[in-house]
Amino acid sequence: MDFDIAVAELEAARSEQIATIYSRRNPGIETWGVRYGDMEKLVKKIRKDSDLARQLWAIGVVEPRIVACRIMRPDDLTEGEIDEWVGQVEWPSLADELANLVYRTPFRDRKREEWTESNAEFVRRAGFTLVYNAAADLKSEISDDELLGYLAQIEREIHASPNWSREMMNVVPIAIGFRNEQLKEAAIRTATAYGKVDVFHGDKTNCKVWNAVEALNNPKTKVKAP
């Protein structure tokens, strides 16, 4: 698809109301207010186009960057681009979208290790999204010992971590716990130890923070790999 056509389709779906809702999550970001359903319609039309993905990312707006993450071929993404892009993320769901893309690259383990040690809010969130992905993906080769290490890190650091990384750190034990019974016991101990997690979702929002212990004990809870 031509770049101008892709941008025109996104712009045609703009909503000031949705833009206001999105901006509450991080005031000052540039957003067009495009619903996820409309973004996905465009993604299905484009399928995969790495050149277009790079052009859309360069716009610097949340929605074109989400589309960019979904249409980028993982094999075309360089480590330099990954490092550049993660430093430009300013919105929680975009951090997740980028992490989902990076998870399909050969750099995922290295970035998981690097990013979970970062103090930058959205870099750290992307790192723990990679942990979540590795835990939820039953085909991944991440070891139980590695996952136990992340549980220990979460227990130590969650309350001192930045807001949006804290949200993802609270979800990770749920994915870890559903890998096997040993990890489930450890995940419940971790989530019990750190207790209630406060996450500010923005003014006038109805978003709630997961109770990880309840989720782990609920057989209806589902975790999904990217």
Protein backbone atom coordinates (compact mmCIF):
# COMPACT_ATOMS: atom_id res chain seq x y z
CA MET A 1 0.00 0.00 0.00
CA ASP A 2 1.16 3.52 -0.76
CA PHE A 3 2.23 5.58 2.25
CA ASP A 4 -0.17 8.44 1.47
CA ILE A 5 -3.10 6.05 1.20
CA ALA A 6 -2.25 4.39 4.51
CA VAL A 7 -2.03 7.76 6.27
CA ALA A 8 -5.26 8.93 4.65
CA GLU A 9 -7.09 5.85 5.93
CA LEU A 10 -5.83 6.44 9.46
CA GLU A 11 -6.72 10.11 9.32
CA ALA A 12 -10.22 9.31 8.04
CA ALA A 13 -10.79 7.20 11.16
CA ARG A 14 -9.69 9.91 13.60
CA SER A 15 -11.84 10.74 16.61
CA GLU A 16 -11.22 13.60 18.99
CA GLN A 17 -13.08 11.70 21.70
CA ILE A 18 -10.83 8.65 21.34
CA ALA A 19 -7.76 10.88 21.18
CA THR A 20 -8.76 12.41 24.51
CA ILE A 21 -9.16 8.95 26.05
CA TYR A 22 -5.77 7.80 24.73
CA SER A 23 -3.99 10.94 25.87
CA ARG A 24 -5.15 10.42 29.45
CA ARG A 25 -2.73 7.51 29.69
CA ASN A 26 0.22 9.80 29.03
CA PRO A 27 -0.64 13.49 28.67
CA GLY A 28 1.35 15.24 25.97
CA ILE A 29 1.64 12.31 23.56
CA GLU A 30 0.63 12.82 19.96
CA THR A 31 -2.35 10.66 19.11
CA TRP A 32 -4.94 10.74 16.32
CA GLY A 33 -7.64 8.88 18.21
CA VAL A 34 -7.96 5.86 15.90
CA ARG A 35 -9.78 2.87 17.34
CA TYR A 36 -7.95 -0.46 17.45
CA GLY A 37 -10.53 -2.04 15.18
CA ASP A 38 -9.84 0.56 12.50
CA MET A 39 -6.10 0.09 12.85
CA GLU A 40 -6.51 -3.67 12.47
CA LYS A 41 -8.61 -3.21 9.33
CA LEU A 42 -5.69 -1.31 7.80
CA VAL A 43 -3.20 -3.94 8.97
CA LYS A 44 -5.21 -6.65 7.21
CA LYS A 45 -5.16 -4.67 3.99
CA ILE A 46 -1.41 -4.11 4.13
CA ARG A 47 -0.36 -7.49 5.59
CA LYS A 48 3.43 -7.15 5.77
CA ASP A 49 5.43 -4.21 4.41
CA SER A 50 8.64 -3.29 6.23
CA ASP A 51 9.38 -0.17 4.18
CA LEU A 52 5.92 1.20 4.88
CA ALA A 53 6.31 0.26 8.55
CA ARG A 54 9.43 2.40 8.80
CA GLN A 55 7.66 5.32 7.13
CA LEU A 56 4.71 5.06 9.49
CA TRP A 57 6.93 4.82 12.56
CA ALA A 58 8.75 7.98 11.49
CA ILE A 59 5.50 9.99 11.72
CA GLY A 60 5.91 9.92 15.50
CA VAL A 61 2.23 9.39 16.31
CA VAL A 62 0.88 6.51 18.42
CA GLU A 63 -1.49 4.92 15.91
CA PRO A 64 0.83 4.84 12.86
CA ARG A 65 3.47 3.32 15.13
CA ILE A 66 1.10 0.60 16.31
CA VAL A 67 0.33 -0.24 12.69
CA ALA A 68 4.07 -0.19 11.95
CA CYS A 69 4.73 -2.81 14.62
CA ARG A 70 2.04 -5.05 13.19
CA ILE A 71 3.11 -4.87 9.54
CA MET A 72 6.87 -4.99 10.06
CA ARG A 73 8.52 -8.25 9.04
CA PRO A 74 10.48 -9.38 12.10
CA ASP A 75 13.38 -10.60 9.95
CA ASP A 76 13.78 -7.09 8.52
CA LEU A 77 14.04 -5.37 11.90
CA THR A 78 17.63 -4.59 12.87
CA GLU A 79 18.93 -4.42 16.41
CA GLY A 80 19.79 -0.78 15.86
CA GLU A 81 16.19 -0.04 14.90
CA ILE A 82 14.93 -1.93 17.94
CA ASP A 83 17.10 0.15 20.27
CA GLU A 84 16.07 3.38 18.54
CA TRP A 85 12.37 2.59 18.52
CA VAL A 86 12.10 1.46 22.13
CA GLY A 87 13.65 4.74 23.22
CA GLN A 88 10.89 6.60 21.39
CA VAL A 89 7.95 4.78 22.98
CA GLU A 90 5.73 6.98 25.13
CA TRP A 91 2.56 4.94 25.48
CA PRO A 92 1.97 1.65 27.34
CA SER A 93 0.22 -0.32 24.60
CA LEU A 94 2.83 0.76 22.07
CA ALA A 95 5.52 -0.69 24.35
CA ASP A 96 3.61 -3.97 24.26
CA GLU A 97 3.19 -3.87 20.48
CA LEU A 98 6.90 -3.30 19.98
CA ALA A 99 7.79 -6.06 22.43
CA ASN A 100 5.46 -8.44 20.58
CA LEU A 101 7.33 -7.63 17.38
CA VAL A 102 10.75 -7.99 19.00
CA TYR A 103 9.70 -11.35 20.45
CA ARG A 104 9.65 -12.70 16.90
CA THR A 105 13.25 -11.61 16.26
CA PRO A 106 16.59 -13.24 17.18
CA PHE A 107 17.20 -10.35 19.60
CA ARG A 108 14.36 -11.13 21.99
CA ASP A 109 16.40 -12.77 24.75
CA ARG A 110 19.07 -10.08 24.76
CA LYS A 111 16.49 -7.30 24.79
CA ARG A 112 14.54 -9.00 27.58
CA GLU A 113 17.67 -9.09 29.70
CA GLU A 114 18.63 -5.49 28.89
CA TRP A 115 15.22 -3.89 29.16
CA THR A 116 14.15 -5.48 32.43
CA GLU A 117 17.19 -3.80 34.00
CA SER A 118 16.28 -0.38 32.59
CA ASN A 119 14.85 2.37 34.77
CA ALA A 120 13.12 3.99 31.79
CA GLU A 121 9.38 3.50 32.21
CA PHE A 122 8.42 2.23 28.77
CA VAL A 123 11.67 0.38 28.08
CA ARG A 124 11.19 -1.50 31.33
CA ARG A 125 7.58 -2.22 30.45
CA ALA A 126 8.63 -3.60 27.05
CA GLY A 127 11.18 -5.79 28.82
CA PHE A 128 8.59 -7.32 31.12
CA THR A 129 6.22 -7.74 28.19
CA LEU A 130 8.96 -9.91 26.69
CA VAL A 131 9.07 -11.89 29.95
CA TYR A 132 5.30 -12.31 29.76
CA ASN A 133 5.57 -13.48 26.15
CA ALA A 134 8.26 -16.01 26.96
CA ALA A 135 6.23 -17.36 29.88
CA ALA A 136 2.97 -17.52 27.93
CA ASP A 137 4.61 -19.19 24.95
CA LEU A 138 4.75 -22.85 25.93
CA LYS A 139 7.16 -23.47 23.05
CA SER A 140 9.71 -21.00 24.39
CA GLU A 141 12.97 -22.34 25.78
CA ILE A 142 13.11 -20.04 28.78
CA SER A 143 13.97 -22.10 31.86
CA ASP A 144 12.07 -22.33 35.12
CA ASP A 145 15.15 -20.94 36.88
CA GLU A 146 15.08 -17.83 34.67
CA LEU A 147 11.40 -17.32 35.38
CA LEU A 148 11.94 -17.79 39.11
CA GLY A 149 14.63 -15.12 38.85
CA TYR A 150 12.13 -12.72 37.27
CA LEU A 151 9.62 -13.46 40.03
CA ALA A 152 12.26 -12.57 42.61
CA GLN A 153 13.09 -9.37 40.74
CA ILE A 154 9.42 -8.41 40.54
CA GLU A 155 8.93 -8.99 44.25
CA ARG A 156 11.95 -6.78 45.04
CA GLU A 157 11.34 -4.00 42.55
CA ILE A 158 7.69 -3.71 41.57
CA HIS A 159 6.65 -0.99 44.00
CA ALA A 160 9.69 1.17 43.19
CA SER A 161 9.26 0.80 39.43
CA PRO A 162 7.63 3.44 37.19
CA ASN A 163 3.87 3.38 36.76
CA TRP A 164 3.43 1.65 33.40
CA SER A 165 6.23 -0.84 33.93
CA ARG A 166 4.67 -1.66 37.30
CA GLU A 167 1.43 -2.60 35.57
CA MET A 168 3.14 -5.16 33.34
CA MET A 169 5.29 -6.52 36.18
CA ASN A 170 2.07 -7.33 38.03
CA VAL A 171 0.74 -9.35 35.08
CA VAL A 172 3.92 -11.37 34.48
CA PRO A 173 3.45 -13.74 37.48
CA ILE A 174 0.10 -14.80 36.02
CA ALA A 175 1.75 -15.97 32.80
CA ILE A 176 4.60 -17.61 34.69
CA GLY A 177 2.22 -19.43 37.01
CA PHE A 178 0.34 -21.11 34.22
CA ARG A 179 3.42 -22.87 32.83
CA ASN A 180 3.48 -25.58 35.50
CA GLU A 181 2.45 -26.28 39.08
CA GLN A 182 5.86 -25.51 40.60
CA LEU A 183 5.92 -22.10 38.97
CA LYS A 184 2.30 -21.50 39.93
CA GLU A 185 3.13 -21.96 43.60
CA ALA A 186 6.10 -19.61 43.28
CA ALA A 187 4.04 -17.02 41.38
CA ILE A 188 1.32 -17.06 44.05
CA ARG A 189 3.95 -16.59 46.77
CA THR A 190 5.44 -13.66 44.85
CA ALA A 191 2.12 -11.95 44.17
CA THR A 192 1.04 -12.48 47.77
CA ALA A 193 4.29 -10.98 49.01
CA TYR A 194 4.09 -7.77 47.01
CA GLY A 195 0.35 -7.38 47.57
CA LYS A 196 -1.73 -4.57 46.13
CA VAL A 197 -0.23 -2.71 43.19
CA ASP A 198 -1.20 0.88 42.46
CA VAL A 199 -1.28 1.89 38.79
CA PHE A 200 -2.52 5.28 37.61
CA HIS A 201 -4.41 4.78 34.35
CA GLY A 202 -5.20 8.45 33.83
CA ASP A 203 -8.03 10.72 34.89
CA LYS A 204 -11.62 9.57 34.29
CA THR A 205 -10.83 5.98 33.36
CA ASN A 206 -12.43 2.79 34.63
CA CYS A 207 -9.37 0.59 34.21
CA LYS A 208 -8.63 -1.80 37.04
CA VAL A 209 -5.41 -3.40 38.22
CA TRP A 210 -5.25 -7.18 38.04
CA ASN A 211 -5.21 -9.08 41.31
CA ALA A 212 -2.55 -11.61 40.34
CA VAL A 213 -3.33 -14.05 43.16
CA GLU A 214 -7.01 -14.18 42.23
CA ALA A 215 -6.15 -14.60 38.56
CA LEU A 216 -3.76 -17.46 39.31
CA ASN A 217 -6.42 -19.24 41.35
CA ASN A 218 -9.11 -18.74 38.72
CA PRO A 219 -9.28 -21.67 36.24
CA LYS A 220 -10.96 -19.34 33.72
CA THR A 221 -7.90 -17.09 33.50
CA LYS A 222 -6.24 -17.24 30.09
CA VAL A 223 -2.76 -16.17 29.04
CA LYS A 224 -1.89 -15.69 25.40
CA ALA A 225 1.44 -15.70 23.61
CA PRO A 226 1.92 -13.07 20.86
